[in-house]
Amino acid sequence: MIIHNENFIIEQIADSGQCFRMNRIEQDKFSVIAYGRYLELTQIDEKTVHLSCKEEEFHEIWEEYFDLANNYKGIVDSLLDGEDDFLKKAAEYGRGIRILKQEPFEALISFIISQNKNIPAIKTCIEAICKRYGERKIGGECGPVEYYTFPGPEILSQASKEDLRKLKTGYRDDYIISAAKAVFQGELNLKKLAEGTQEEAVKALIGIHGVGNKVANCVSLYGLHHIEAFPVDVWIKKVLKEIYNDNFALERYQGYVGIVQQYMFYYMRHLQG
């Protein structure tokens, strides 16, 4: 399957901090595991990506996963035409980033794990959990590939703290089990939160043991696809303080401020080396 889109650069998406199961295979080739499927993506040129799936699977999963119906070009163009010099540079530099529409429960557990961990450590921990509790599969249109799905809430709600600690979750073991139980028992309805507002989602997520404001906003943006979410991590704090003197006008970018946040995050990391 070939996609032509000038705002779809796999390397930028993989390095944007929103997904932990997207990995480089070789220079312009990446893999991703999502919704129980394995996909390989090859960047042919800046505006062309090859996906290792049939058209039916593309429309079933990946078209929505990569948010391909959303007009990112229009958002980038509006920022380039604006008066904010930093956002002009950030949008130009990260114009290939898209907000992935990830599986909500996976996003919840992944960002709980992400607290006080760097990205390689997060990836290692998540892969270990998938191998221990997920389903082993063989897939891939380019040849047989062994991979493991992300476990569901029923499975993780029954995990033991001791087992999770062995998988390098640290103090987050209790948080993982609590969140899984909340979803499995219906206390936290992620589907309903995805259909509701950003404010409702964050309020409900913060009510879960071990979920603070930053994690709640990450889950809201990357798992529930509330594009109004604006997670504030160490990089965004640097942007807000050093570039905007803690006076950034979120309301100017209503309806797509989460995308603006990604451009900020990606560009600031570049500036800081």
Protein backbone atom coordinates (compact mmCIF):
# COMPACT_ATOMS: atom_id res chain seq x y z
CA MET A 1 0.00 0.00 0.00
CA ILE A 2 1.46 3.37 -1.06
CA ILE A 3 0.53 6.62 0.72
CA HIS A 4 1.21 10.03 -0.79
CA ASN A 5 1.17 12.73 1.90
CA GLU A 6 3.61 15.58 2.49
CA ASN A 7 2.93 15.53 6.25
CA PHE A 8 3.73 11.87 6.95
CA ILE A 9 7.37 11.27 7.88
CA ILE A 10 7.81 8.04 9.81
CA GLU A 11 11.14 8.93 11.44
CA GLN A 12 9.63 12.08 12.95
CA ILE A 13 6.58 10.21 14.25
CA ALA A 14 8.77 7.45 15.73
CA ASP A 15 10.93 10.06 17.50
CA SER A 16 8.09 12.25 18.75
CA GLY A 17 7.68 10.53 22.13
CA GLN A 18 4.07 9.50 21.65
CA CYS A 19 4.49 5.80 20.78
CA PHE A 20 6.79 3.17 22.27
CA ARG A 21 6.29 0.22 19.88
CA MET A 22 7.53 1.89 16.72
CA ASN A 23 11.13 0.94 15.95
CA ARG A 24 13.68 1.49 13.20
CA ILE A 25 14.54 -1.61 11.18
CA GLU A 26 17.00 0.11 8.84
CA GLN A 27 17.68 3.62 7.53
CA ASP A 28 14.23 4.48 6.11
CA LYS A 29 12.29 1.49 7.36
CA PHE A 30 10.32 1.14 10.60
CA SER A 31 8.00 -1.37 12.25
CA VAL A 32 5.03 -0.75 14.49
CA ILE A 33 2.81 -3.08 16.51
CA ALA A 34 -0.69 -1.82 17.25
CA TYR A 35 -4.20 -3.23 17.62
CA GLY A 36 -2.77 -6.75 17.53
CA ARG A 37 -1.14 -6.24 14.11
CA TYR A 38 2.42 -5.84 12.85
CA LEU A 39 3.25 -3.31 10.14
CA GLU A 40 6.40 -2.25 8.33
CA LEU A 41 6.70 1.25 6.85
CA THR A 42 9.26 2.44 4.34
CA GLN A 43 9.83 6.14 3.64
CA ILE A 44 10.36 6.22 -0.13
CA ASP A 45 10.70 9.99 -0.26
CA GLU A 46 9.45 12.98 1.76
CA LYS A 47 5.92 12.61 0.40
CA THR A 48 5.66 8.85 -0.13
CA VAL A 49 5.39 5.98 2.37
CA HIS A 50 4.98 2.28 1.65
CA LEU A 51 2.93 0.26 4.16
CA SER A 52 3.31 -3.53 4.24
CA CYS A 53 -0.41 -4.25 4.34
CA LYS A 54 -3.29 -4.87 1.98
CA GLU A 55 -5.79 -2.12 1.26
CA GLU A 56 -8.47 -3.77 3.42
CA GLU A 57 -6.23 -3.75 6.51
CA PHE A 58 -5.15 -0.19 5.75
CA HIS A 59 -8.75 1.04 5.84
CA GLU A 60 -9.59 -1.18 8.82
CA ILE A 61 -6.71 -0.05 11.08
CA TRP A 62 -3.89 2.08 9.76
CA GLU A 63 -5.75 4.90 8.04
CA GLU A 64 -7.30 5.91 11.36
CA TYR A 65 -4.22 5.00 13.41
CA PHE A 66 -2.09 7.50 11.46
CA ASP A 67 -4.91 10.08 11.49
CA LEU A 68 -4.74 10.34 7.70
CA ALA A 69 -8.15 12.00 7.37
CA ASN A 70 -6.93 15.04 9.32
CA ASN A 71 -5.59 18.01 7.35
CA TYR A 72 -2.14 18.48 8.89
CA LYS A 73 -1.02 20.50 5.88
CA GLY A 74 -3.63 23.12 6.71
CA ILE A 75 -2.42 23.29 10.30
CA VAL A 76 1.25 23.59 9.26
CA ASP A 77 0.38 26.26 6.68
CA SER A 78 -1.58 28.28 9.25
CA LEU A 79 1.39 28.21 11.64
CA LEU A 80 3.80 29.17 8.86
CA ASP A 81 1.52 32.11 8.00
CA GLY A 82 1.26 33.18 11.65
CA GLU A 83 3.31 35.70 13.61
CA ASP A 84 4.93 33.30 16.09
CA ASP A 85 8.52 32.79 14.88
CA PHE A 86 9.20 29.83 17.15
CA LEU A 87 6.09 27.97 15.98
CA LYS A 88 6.94 28.74 12.36
CA LYS A 89 10.31 27.03 12.79
CA ALA A 90 8.82 24.20 14.86
CA ALA A 91 6.07 23.47 12.32
CA GLU A 92 8.50 23.56 9.42
CA TYR A 93 10.95 21.27 11.21
CA GLY A 94 8.37 18.73 12.45
CA ARG A 95 5.82 18.95 9.67
CA GLY A 96 5.87 15.17 9.15
CA ILE A 97 4.53 14.40 12.64
CA ARG A 98 0.98 13.11 13.05
CA ILE A 99 -0.89 12.33 16.28
CA LEU A 100 -1.33 8.56 16.35
CA LYS A 101 -4.71 7.20 17.37
CA GLN A 102 -3.43 4.51 19.70
CA GLU A 103 -5.32 1.83 21.57
CA PRO A 104 -6.53 3.65 24.72
CA PHE A 105 -5.61 1.00 27.30
CA GLU A 106 -2.13 0.56 25.84
CA ALA A 107 -1.62 4.33 25.97
CA LEU A 108 -2.78 4.43 29.59
CA ILE A 109 -0.36 1.74 30.75
CA SER A 110 2.48 3.01 28.54
CA PHE A 111 2.37 6.53 29.95
CA ILE A 112 2.06 5.25 33.51
CA ILE A 113 5.29 3.34 32.83
CA SER A 114 6.85 6.44 31.23
CA GLN A 115 7.01 8.35 34.51
CA ASN A 116 10.64 9.12 35.37
CA LYS A 117 11.98 6.81 32.64
CA ASN A 118 13.81 7.65 29.43
CA ILE A 119 12.43 6.42 26.10
CA PRO A 120 14.78 3.40 25.65
CA ALA A 121 13.91 2.21 29.17
CA ILE A 122 10.18 2.68 28.52
CA LYS A 123 10.41 0.67 25.28
CA THR A 124 12.33 -2.14 26.99
CA CYS A 125 9.82 -2.34 29.83
CA ILE A 126 6.80 -2.37 27.51
CA GLU A 127 8.29 -5.07 25.29
CA ALA A 128 9.01 -7.20 28.37
CA ILE A 129 5.38 -6.84 29.50
CA CYS A 130 4.13 -7.79 26.02
CA LYS A 131 6.35 -10.89 25.93
CA ARG A 132 5.24 -11.92 29.43
CA TYR A 133 1.51 -11.20 29.18
CA GLY A 134 0.69 -10.59 25.51
CA GLU A 135 -0.26 -13.02 22.76
CA ARG A 136 2.53 -14.39 20.56
CA LYS A 137 1.81 -13.95 16.86
CA ILE A 138 3.49 -14.53 13.53
CA GLY A 139 2.69 -11.88 10.95
CA GLY A 140 3.99 -9.49 8.36
CA GLU A 141 3.33 -9.13 4.65
CA CYS A 142 7.09 -9.01 3.98
CA GLY A 143 7.75 -12.39 5.57
CA PRO A 144 7.07 -14.14 8.89
CA VAL A 145 7.83 -11.96 11.93
CA GLU A 146 7.33 -13.00 15.54
CA TYR A 147 5.74 -10.35 17.72
CA TYR A 148 3.65 -9.99 20.87
CA THR A 149 0.43 -8.07 21.31
CA PHE A 150 -0.15 -5.63 24.15
CA PRO A 151 -2.04 -7.42 26.97
CA GLY A 152 -5.59 -6.39 27.80
CA PRO A 153 -6.89 -5.08 31.14
CA GLU A 154 -8.18 -8.47 32.31
CA ILE A 155 -4.71 -10.02 32.00
CA LEU A 156 -2.80 -7.13 33.61
CA SER A 157 -5.35 -6.77 36.41
CA GLN A 158 -4.31 -10.26 37.53
CA ALA A 159 -0.56 -9.63 37.30
CA SER A 160 1.49 -9.84 40.47
CA LYS A 161 3.66 -7.00 41.70
CA GLU A 162 6.58 -9.38 41.95
CA ASP A 163 6.32 -10.36 38.27
CA LEU A 164 5.97 -6.75 37.16
CA ARG A 165 8.99 -5.72 39.23
CA LYS A 166 11.06 -8.35 37.40
CA LEU A 167 10.08 -6.59 34.17
CA LYS A 168 11.65 -3.32 35.41
CA THR A 169 8.42 -1.48 36.21
CA GLY A 170 9.74 -0.38 39.60
CA TYR A 171 7.27 1.43 41.83
CA ARG A 172 4.84 1.65 38.90
CA ASP A 173 3.76 -1.99 39.43
CA ASP A 174 0.96 -0.94 41.77
CA TYR A 175 -0.14 1.80 39.37
CA ILE A 176 -0.32 -0.65 36.45
CA ILE A 177 -2.41 -3.16 38.36
CA SER A 178 -4.72 -0.46 39.74
CA ALA A 179 -5.31 1.05 36.29
CA ALA A 180 -5.92 -2.36 34.72
CA LYS A 181 -8.44 -3.25 37.43
CA ALA A 182 -10.22 0.11 37.00
CA VAL A 183 -10.64 -0.53 33.25
CA PHE A 184 -11.50 -4.23 33.56
CA GLN A 185 -14.07 -3.66 36.31
CA GLY A 186 -15.69 -0.76 34.45
CA GLU A 187 -14.69 1.97 36.88
CA LEU A 188 -12.82 3.68 34.01
CA ASN A 189 -14.62 3.52 30.66
CA LEU A 190 -12.02 4.55 28.09
CA LYS A 191 -14.42 4.28 25.15
CA LYS A 192 -16.83 6.66 26.84
CA LEU A 193 -13.98 9.06 27.68
CA ALA A 194 -12.87 9.06 24.04
CA GLU A 195 -16.38 10.11 23.04
CA GLY A 196 -16.56 12.81 25.72
CA THR A 197 -14.60 16.00 26.29
CA GLN A 198 -10.93 16.53 27.04
CA GLU A 199 -11.80 18.00 30.44
CA GLU A 200 -13.95 14.99 31.39
CA ALA A 201 -11.23 12.59 30.29
CA VAL A 202 -8.47 14.27 32.31
CA LYS A 203 -10.67 14.50 35.41
CA ALA A 204 -11.53 10.79 35.23
CA LEU A 205 -7.95 9.71 34.52
CA ILE A 206 -6.52 11.72 37.42
CA GLY A 207 -8.86 9.75 39.68
CA ILE A 208 -6.85 6.60 38.95
CA HIS A 209 -4.06 5.69 41.38
CA GLY A 210 -0.71 6.78 39.98
CA VAL A 211 -2.06 9.04 37.22
CA GLY A 212 -1.20 12.73 37.49
CA ASN A 213 -1.95 15.66 35.23
CA LYS A 214 0.86 15.03 32.74
CA VAL A 215 0.06 11.33 32.27
CA ALA A 216 -3.67 12.08 32.05
CA ASN A 217 -3.09 14.62 29.27
CA CYS A 218 -0.76 12.23 27.42
CA VAL A 219 -3.39 9.48 27.55
CA SER A 220 -6.07 11.95 26.49
CA LEU A 221 -4.04 13.13 23.48
CA TYR A 222 -2.36 9.92 22.32
CA GLY A 223 -4.90 7.31 23.44
CA LEU A 224 -8.28 9.07 23.38
CA HIS A 225 -7.32 11.39 20.50
CA HIS A 226 -8.45 14.58 22.18
CA ILE A 227 -6.45 17.01 20.06
CA GLU A 228 -7.23 19.76 22.60
CA ALA A 229 -4.94 18.08 25.16
CA PHE A 230 -1.64 19.81 25.94
CA PRO A 231 0.70 17.54 27.94
CA VAL A 232 3.46 19.44 29.75
CA ASP A 233 6.69 17.47 30.22
CA VAL A 234 10.22 18.75 30.85
CA TRP A 235 10.65 19.78 27.20
CA ILE A 236 7.38 21.69 27.01
CA LYS A 237 8.19 23.35 30.33
CA LYS A 238 11.44 24.58 28.75
CA VAL A 239 9.54 25.92 25.75
CA LEU A 240 6.95 27.69 27.87
CA LYS A 241 9.56 29.21 30.18
CA GLU A 242 12.39 30.05 27.77
CA ILE A 243 10.42 31.01 24.67
CA TYR A 244 7.15 32.36 26.05
CA ASN A 245 8.08 33.46 29.56
CA ASP A 246 5.25 31.21 30.83
CA ASN A 247 2.71 33.18 28.83
CA PHE A 248 1.75 30.97 25.89
CA ALA A 249 -1.78 31.59 24.56
CA LEU A 250 -3.27 28.08 24.21
CA GLU A 251 -6.63 29.48 23.14
CA ARG A 252 -5.17 30.75 19.85
CA TYR A 253 -4.77 27.17 18.69
CA GLN A 254 -8.10 25.80 19.85
CA GLY A 255 -8.94 22.49 18.22
CA TYR A 256 -5.36 21.51 17.40
CA VAL A 257 -3.20 22.62 20.32
CA GLY A 258 -2.11 19.00 20.88
CA ILE A 259 -0.54 18.99 17.42
CA VAL A 260 1.17 22.31 18.19
CA GLN A 261 2.53 20.72 21.35
CA GLN A 262 4.14 17.95 19.28
CA TYR A 263 5.89 20.45 17.00
CA MET A 264 7.15 22.33 20.07
CA PHE A 265 8.40 19.14 21.74
CA TYR A 266 10.14 17.80 18.66
CA TYR A 267 11.79 21.10 17.73
CA MET A 268 12.95 21.94 21.27
CA ARG A 269 14.65 18.55 21.59
CA HIS A 270 16.41 19.27 18.30
CA LEU A 271 17.59 22.69 19.51
CA GLN A 272 18.93 21.15 22.72
CA GLY A 273 20.85 18.49 20.81
